[in-house]
Amino acid sequence: MICDSSAFAQEKPYNFLIKDALVFDGESSKFREQDIAIAGDRIVQVGQVPAEDAEEIIEGEGLVAAPGFIDIHTHSDFNPFVYPNLGNKILQGVTTEVVGNCGMSAAPDKDRHRDEIGKVWTREGVQIPSPIPWESFGEYANEAEVQGLETNLAGLVGHGNLRSAVMGMEPRKASPEEI
């Protein structure tokens, strides 16, 4: 009888091990040389990890590992539809984006002001889906997710959207009832 040794191979607890990276964890103001163990899509251990516990070793000596960055002021509301997966952001280390800055947001986009908001975005050079398939911010976030969004999305509701939803795009002061 021939024995197949692969049948007895023990599964390793980590898929990847980044060895000896300079880790900046945000808790200290100094980098520390540490290992980072990854199982599936999660970091499961940071510290000194035996190399034999991982399926694949990535040499991190001289490289820096840091938490994901938050891009707090973007105008990237429509980026998920222009650049699916937002690889351009991930490759820069951005894991969270705040959209809806400066009074204009992709949502809400309702009723009579819908076409006007679309015209403003188009005038600004943004390629938007037509017709826009959402009205609420929740619907917008779902559509962004469908595009393969790989960053976290935090949204501000633009005061321009709120104003136009109540009184259209008329260049006048809001009445007390509209406010």
Protein backbone atom coordinates (compact mmCIF):
# COMPACT_ATOMS: atom_id res chain seq x y z
CA MET A 1 0.00 0.00 0.00
CA ILE A 2 1.29 3.43 -0.95
CA CYS A 3 0.76 6.11 1.66
CA ASP A 4 -0.16 9.57 0.41
CA SER A 5 1.50 11.96 2.86
CA SER A 6 -0.65 14.85 1.66
CA ALA A 7 -3.62 13.17 3.32
CA PHE A 8 -1.89 13.77 6.65
CA ALA A 9 -0.82 17.34 5.90
CA GLN A 10 -1.93 19.64 8.66
CA GLU A 11 -3.70 22.81 7.63
CA LYS A 12 -1.79 25.90 8.71
CA PRO A 13 -3.68 28.48 10.78
CA TYR A 14 -2.65 31.46 8.63
CA ASN A 15 -2.85 32.01 4.88
CA PHE A 16 -0.22 34.76 4.93
CA LEU A 17 2.41 35.99 7.30
CA ILE A 18 4.05 39.34 6.75
CA LYS A 19 7.40 38.99 8.54
CA ASP A 20 9.31 41.80 10.21
CA ALA A 21 7.27 44.76 8.92
CA LEU A 22 7.47 48.13 10.60
CA VAL A 23 4.03 48.31 12.18
CA PHE A 24 2.38 51.59 13.04
CA ASP A 25 -0.78 50.67 14.89
CA GLY A 26 -1.96 54.14 15.87
CA GLU A 27 -1.63 53.39 19.60
CA SER A 28 2.02 54.40 19.77
CA SER A 29 3.93 57.17 18.09
CA LYS A 30 6.68 54.71 17.15
CA PHE A 31 6.95 51.94 14.60
CA ARG A 32 7.65 48.44 15.86
CA GLU A 33 9.08 45.57 13.85
CA GLN A 34 6.42 42.86 14.03
CA ASP A 35 4.80 40.03 12.12
CA ILE A 36 1.23 40.21 10.81
CA ALA A 37 -0.73 36.96 10.50
CA ILE A 38 -3.68 36.89 8.08
CA ALA A 39 -6.38 34.21 7.90
CA GLY A 40 -8.86 34.61 5.07
CA ASP A 41 -9.47 38.35 4.76
CA ARG A 42 -8.70 39.21 8.39
CA ILE A 43 -5.62 40.19 10.35
CA VAL A 44 -5.73 37.72 13.24
CA GLN A 45 -2.45 38.29 15.04
CA VAL A 46 0.22 40.97 15.28
CA GLY A 47 3.47 40.25 17.10
CA GLN A 48 6.02 37.49 16.82
CA VAL A 49 4.48 34.64 14.81
CA PRO A 50 6.30 31.40 13.84
CA ALA A 51 6.85 31.23 10.08
CA GLU A 52 5.83 27.57 9.97
CA ASP A 53 2.27 28.58 10.94
CA ALA A 54 1.65 30.25 7.57
CA GLU A 55 1.03 28.95 4.07
CA GLU A 56 2.83 31.88 2.48
CA ILE A 57 5.47 34.25 3.86
CA ILE A 58 5.75 37.85 2.69
CA GLU A 59 8.99 39.55 3.65
CA GLY A 60 8.13 42.91 5.21
CA GLU A 61 11.58 43.99 6.35
CA GLY A 62 12.02 47.68 5.65
CA LEU A 63 8.33 48.09 4.69
CA VAL A 64 5.71 49.91 6.74
CA ALA A 65 2.30 48.46 7.64
CA ALA A 66 -0.28 51.00 8.80
CA PRO A 67 -4.03 51.01 9.40
CA GLY A 68 -6.20 52.10 6.51
CA PHE A 69 -6.41 55.83 5.90
CA ILE A 70 -9.58 57.89 6.05
CA ASP A 71 -10.03 60.42 3.25
CA ILE A 72 -12.16 62.89 5.18
CA HIS A 73 -12.91 65.39 2.41
CA THR A 74 -13.62 63.91 -0.98
CA HIS A 75 -15.87 64.75 -3.86
CA SER A 76 -15.94 61.10 -4.85
CA ASP A 77 -19.68 60.54 -4.58
CA PHE A 78 -19.84 59.12 -8.10
CA ASN A 79 -16.43 57.41 -8.16
CA PRO A 80 -17.93 53.94 -7.55
CA PHE A 81 -19.72 54.32 -10.89
CA VAL A 82 -16.73 55.77 -12.76
CA TYR A 83 -13.98 53.60 -11.21
CA PRO A 84 -15.57 50.30 -10.13
CA ASN A 85 -13.98 48.81 -6.99
CA LEU A 86 -12.15 52.11 -6.35
CA GLY A 87 -8.79 50.39 -6.80
CA ASN A 88 -7.24 53.84 -7.13
CA LYS A 89 -8.15 54.54 -3.49
CA ILE A 90 -7.19 51.13 -2.10
CA LEU A 91 -3.76 51.29 -3.74
CA GLN A 92 -3.17 54.56 -1.87
CA GLY A 93 -4.13 52.95 1.45
CA VAL A 94 -7.51 54.70 1.69
CA THR A 95 -10.06 52.38 3.27
CA THR A 96 -12.74 54.93 4.22
CA GLU A 97 -14.06 57.93 2.29
CA VAL A 98 -16.32 60.72 3.46
CA VAL A 99 -18.51 61.94 0.59
CA GLY A 100 -21.07 64.71 0.31
CA ASN A 101 -18.77 67.58 1.17
CA CYS A 102 -19.29 71.26 0.33
CA GLY A 103 -23.08 71.10 0.28
CA MET A 104 -23.56 68.73 -2.65
CA SER A 105 -24.12 65.00 -2.27
CA ALA A 106 -25.19 62.14 -4.51
CA ALA A 107 -28.27 61.65 -2.33
CA PRO A 108 -30.95 62.38 -1.49
CA ASP A 109 -32.06 62.97 -5.04
CA LYS A 110 -35.83 63.17 -5.12
CA ASP A 111 -38.78 64.45 -7.05
CA ARG A 112 -38.70 67.82 -8.75
CA HIS A 113 -35.07 68.66 -8.13
CA ARG A 114 -33.75 65.33 -9.45
CA ASP A 115 -33.04 66.60 -12.96
CA GLU A 116 -31.56 69.86 -11.66
CA ILE A 117 -29.15 68.05 -9.34
CA GLY A 118 -28.12 65.81 -12.26
CA LYS A 119 -27.41 68.90 -14.37
CA VAL A 120 -25.20 70.37 -11.65
CA TRP A 121 -23.16 67.17 -11.41
CA THR A 122 -22.88 66.98 -15.19
CA ARG A 123 -21.77 70.62 -15.37
CA GLU A 124 -19.04 69.74 -12.86
CA GLY A 125 -17.81 67.02 -15.23
CA VAL A 126 -19.14 64.04 -13.32
CA GLN A 127 -20.34 61.11 -15.38
CA ILE A 128 -23.49 60.00 -13.61
CA PRO A 129 -25.72 57.04 -14.35
CA SER A 130 -28.80 58.05 -16.28
CA PRO A 131 -31.41 57.81 -15.03
CA ILE A 132 -30.02 57.98 -11.49
CA PRO A 133 -31.21 54.70 -9.94
CA TRP A 134 -31.62 55.98 -6.36
CA GLU A 135 -33.45 58.60 -4.34
CA SER A 136 -32.34 58.04 -0.73
CA PHE A 137 -28.84 57.78 0.67
CA GLY A 138 -29.51 54.13 1.55
CA GLU A 139 -30.40 53.37 -2.06
CA TYR A 140 -27.27 55.24 -3.23
CA ALA A 141 -25.08 53.21 -0.83
CA ASN A 142 -26.65 49.98 -2.10
CA GLU A 143 -25.95 50.96 -5.73
CA ALA A 144 -22.34 51.82 -4.83
CA GLU A 145 -22.01 48.41 -3.18
CA VAL A 146 -23.33 46.71 -6.35
CA GLN A 147 -20.48 48.38 -8.26
CA GLY A 148 -17.99 46.46 -6.13
CA LEU A 149 -17.13 49.24 -3.67
CA GLU A 150 -14.07 48.17 -1.70
CA THR A 151 -13.81 51.19 0.59
CA ASN A 152 -16.03 52.11 3.50
CA LEU A 153 -18.34 54.96 2.63
CA ALA A 154 -19.43 57.63 5.11
CA GLY A 155 -21.83 60.15 3.72
CA LEU A 156 -22.80 63.69 4.54
CA VAL A 157 -26.15 64.93 3.29
CA GLY A 158 -25.48 68.01 1.22
CA HIS A 159 -27.34 71.13 2.32
CA GLY A 160 -27.72 71.99 -1.38
CA ASN A 161 -29.65 68.74 -1.88
CA LEU A 162 -31.89 69.45 1.09
CA ARG A 163 -32.53 73.03 -0.03
CA SER A 164 -33.36 72.04 -3.60
CA ALA A 165 -35.63 69.23 -2.39
CA VAL A 166 -37.70 71.80 -0.53
CA MET A 167 -37.58 74.86 -2.79
CA GLY A 168 -36.02 73.84 -6.07
CA MET A 169 -33.05 75.68 -7.53
CA GLU A 170 -34.55 79.15 -7.26
CA PRO A 171 -32.00 81.80 -6.21
CA ARG A 172 -33.98 83.25 -3.30
CA LYS A 173 -34.18 83.12 0.48
CA ALA A 174 -36.11 80.25 2.01
CA SER A 175 -39.41 81.15 3.62
CA PRO A 176 -39.98 80.30 7.31
CA GLU A 177 -42.21 77.39 6.22
CA GLU A 178 -39.49 76.03 3.91
CA ILE A 179 -36.87 76.29 6.65
